[in-house]
Amino acid sequence: MEHEAIYQLYSTAKSVEVDENNNYIARDIDGNEVSIDMTAVNTKASELQAEADAKPSEDELKASAKAKLIAGEALTEEEADTIVL
């Protein structure tokens, strides 16, 4: 999630690498290093992980969609996306 956090926080970052000391290095389109605040990156990474953890799994969406179809209820867009016709 750190890579994604860096890309979201630093719009000039076009690549991210991790060096041998586990330090994240962001680079712009010209290969110049982009200064990053790892505290901000870690905070954003935690937020992104929490969002990902809160999303229902594909199996949960399918089960919910099936139950709603059987009950005649409307599906959410995410549930509808799980149905293969």
C-alpha atoms as a PDB file:
ATOM      1  CA  MET A   1       0.000   0.000   0.000  1.00  0.00           C
ATOM      2  CA  GLU A   2       2.970   2.348   0.436  1.00  0.00           C
ATOM      3  CA  HIS A   3       3.507   2.557  -3.325  1.00  0.00           C
ATOM      4  CA  GLU A   4      -0.124   3.523  -3.911  1.00  0.00           C
ATOM      5  CA  ALA A   5       0.017   6.017  -1.028  1.00  0.00           C
ATOM      6  CA  ILE A   6       3.075   7.693  -2.545  1.00  0.00           C
ATOM      7  CA  TYR A   7       1.411   7.969  -5.953  1.00  0.00           C
ATOM      8  CA  GLN A   8      -1.708   9.469  -4.381  1.00  0.00           C
ATOM      9  CA  LEU A   9       0.178  11.936  -2.186  1.00  0.00           C
ATOM     10  CA  TYR A  10       2.839  13.023  -4.692  1.00  0.00           C
ATOM     11  CA  SER A  11       1.452  13.637  -8.169  1.00  0.00           C
ATOM     12  CA  THR A  12       4.937  14.178  -9.623  1.00  0.00           C
ATOM     13  CA  ALA A  13       6.054  10.683  -8.549  1.00  0.00           C
ATOM     14  CA  LYS A  14       6.112   8.419 -11.603  1.00  0.00           C
ATOM     15  CA  SER A  15       8.083   5.511 -10.134  1.00  0.00           C
ATOM     16  CA  VAL A  16       8.751   4.152  -6.663  1.00  0.00           C
ATOM     17  CA  GLU A  17      11.493   1.780  -5.625  1.00  0.00           C
ATOM     18  CA  VAL A  18      12.684   0.320  -2.341  1.00  0.00           C
ATOM     19  CA  ASP A  19      16.432   0.316  -1.718  1.00  0.00           C
ATOM     20  CA  GLU A  20      18.494  -2.295   0.115  1.00  0.00           C
ATOM     21  CA  ASN A  21      17.819  -0.502   3.435  1.00  0.00           C
ATOM     22  CA  ASN A  22      14.034  -0.663   2.893  1.00  0.00           C
ATOM     23  CA  ASN A  23      13.825   3.078   2.143  1.00  0.00           C
ATOM     24  CA  TYR A  24      11.254   4.207  -0.400  1.00  0.00           C
ATOM     25  CA  ILE A  25      12.579   6.351  -3.233  1.00  0.00           C
ATOM     26  CA  ALA A  26      10.125   8.182  -5.494  1.00  0.00           C
ATOM     27  CA  ARG A  27      11.227   9.574  -8.837  1.00  0.00           C
ATOM     28  CA  ASP A  28       9.606  12.026 -11.223  1.00  0.00           C
ATOM     29  CA  ILE A  29       9.266  11.630 -14.986  1.00  0.00           C
ATOM     30  CA  ASP A  30      12.870  12.813 -15.473  1.00  0.00           C
ATOM     31  CA  GLY A  31      14.270  10.355 -12.915  1.00  0.00           C
ATOM     32  CA  ASN A  32      14.845  13.032 -10.282  1.00  0.00           C
ATOM     33  CA  GLU A  33      14.177  12.046  -6.691  1.00  0.00           C
ATOM     34  CA  VAL A  34      10.916  13.337  -5.213  1.00  0.00           C
ATOM     35  CA  SER A  35      11.103  14.231  -1.522  1.00  0.00           C
ATOM     36  CA  ILE A  36       8.534  12.218   0.445  1.00  0.00           C
ATOM     37  CA  ASP A  37       7.337  12.345   4.044  1.00  0.00           C
ATOM     38  CA  MET A  38       7.173   8.731   5.217  1.00  0.00           C
ATOM     39  CA  THR A  39       4.907   9.653   8.147  1.00  0.00           C
ATOM     40  CA  ALA A  40       2.347  10.965   5.661  1.00  0.00           C
ATOM     41  CA  VAL A  41       2.926   7.946   3.422  1.00  0.00           C
ATOM     42  CA  ASN A  42       2.382   5.494   6.298  1.00  0.00           C
ATOM     43  CA  THR A  43      -0.769   7.326   7.397  1.00  0.00           C
ATOM     44  CA  LYS A  44      -2.163   7.256   3.844  1.00  0.00           C
ATOM     45  CA  ALA A  45      -1.177   3.595   3.430  1.00  0.00           C
ATOM     46  CA  SER A  46      -3.090   2.758   6.622  1.00  0.00           C
ATOM     47  CA  GLU A  47      -6.147   4.612   5.298  1.00  0.00           C
ATOM     48  CA  LEU A  48      -5.958   2.767   1.982  1.00  0.00           C
ATOM     49  CA  GLN A  49      -5.622  -0.576   3.758  1.00  0.00           C
ATOM     50  CA  ALA A  50      -8.625   0.199   5.970  1.00  0.00           C
ATOM     51  CA  GLU A  51     -10.686   1.041   2.860  1.00  0.00           C
ATOM     52  CA  ALA A  52      -9.590  -2.182   1.163  1.00  0.00           C
ATOM     53  CA  ASP A  53     -10.383  -4.236   4.267  1.00  0.00           C
ATOM     54  CA  ALA A  54     -13.860  -2.678   4.518  1.00  0.00           C
ATOM     55  CA  LYS A  55     -14.826  -3.679   0.961  1.00  0.00           C
ATOM     56  CA  PRO A  56     -16.762  -6.916   0.690  1.00  0.00           C
ATOM     57  CA  SER A  57     -15.060  -9.802  -1.070  1.00  0.00           C
ATOM     58  CA  GLU A  58     -16.220 -11.089  -4.464  1.00  0.00           C
ATOM     59  CA  ASP A  59     -17.790 -14.122  -2.772  1.00  0.00           C
ATOM     60  CA  GLU A  60     -19.630 -11.902  -0.277  1.00  0.00           C
ATOM     61  CA  LEU A  61     -20.974  -9.735  -3.119  1.00  0.00           C
ATOM     62  CA  LYS A  62     -22.140 -12.794  -5.058  1.00  0.00           C
ATOM     63  CA  ALA A  63     -23.900 -14.238  -2.002  1.00  0.00           C
ATOM     64  CA  SER A  64     -25.578 -10.907  -1.288  1.00  0.00           C
ATOM     65  CA  ALA A  65     -26.645 -10.526  -4.918  1.00  0.00           C
ATOM     66  CA  LYS A  66     -28.116 -14.033  -4.972  1.00  0.00           C
ATOM     67  CA  ALA A  67     -30.049 -13.439  -1.750  1.00  0.00           C
ATOM     68  CA  LYS A  68     -31.420 -10.150  -3.061  1.00  0.00           C
ATOM     69  CA  LEU A  69     -32.426 -11.691  -6.392  1.00  0.00           C
ATOM     70  CA  ILE A  70     -34.258 -14.485  -4.593  1.00  0.00           C
ATOM     71  CA  ALA A  71     -35.996 -11.930  -2.358  1.00  0.00           C
ATOM     72  CA  GLY A  72     -36.772  -9.651  -5.313  1.00  0.00           C
ATOM     73  CA  GLU A  73     -34.732  -6.749  -3.940  1.00  0.00           C
ATOM     74  CA  ALA A  74     -32.649  -4.262  -5.912  1.00  0.00           C
ATOM     75  CA  LEU A  75     -28.921  -4.960  -6.261  1.00  0.00           C
ATOM     76  CA  THR A  76     -26.104  -2.522  -5.680  1.00  0.00           C
ATOM     77  CA  GLU A  77     -23.877  -1.766  -8.670  1.00  0.00           C
ATOM     78  CA  GLU A  78     -21.066  -3.840  -7.123  1.00  0.00           C
ATOM     79  CA  GLU A  79     -23.410  -6.799  -6.690  1.00  0.00           C
ATOM     80  CA  ALA A  80     -24.691  -6.473 -10.252  1.00  0.00           C
ATOM     81  CA  ASP A  81     -21.100  -6.467 -11.527  1.00  0.00           C
ATOM     82  CA  THR A  82     -20.566  -9.938 -10.066  1.00  0.00           C
ATOM     83  CA  ILE A  83     -23.289 -11.480 -12.205  1.00  0.00           C
ATOM     84  CA  VAL A  84     -22.096 -13.131 -15.399  1.00  0.00           C
ATOM     85  CA  LEU A  85     -24.740 -13.382 -18.085  1.00  0.00           C
END
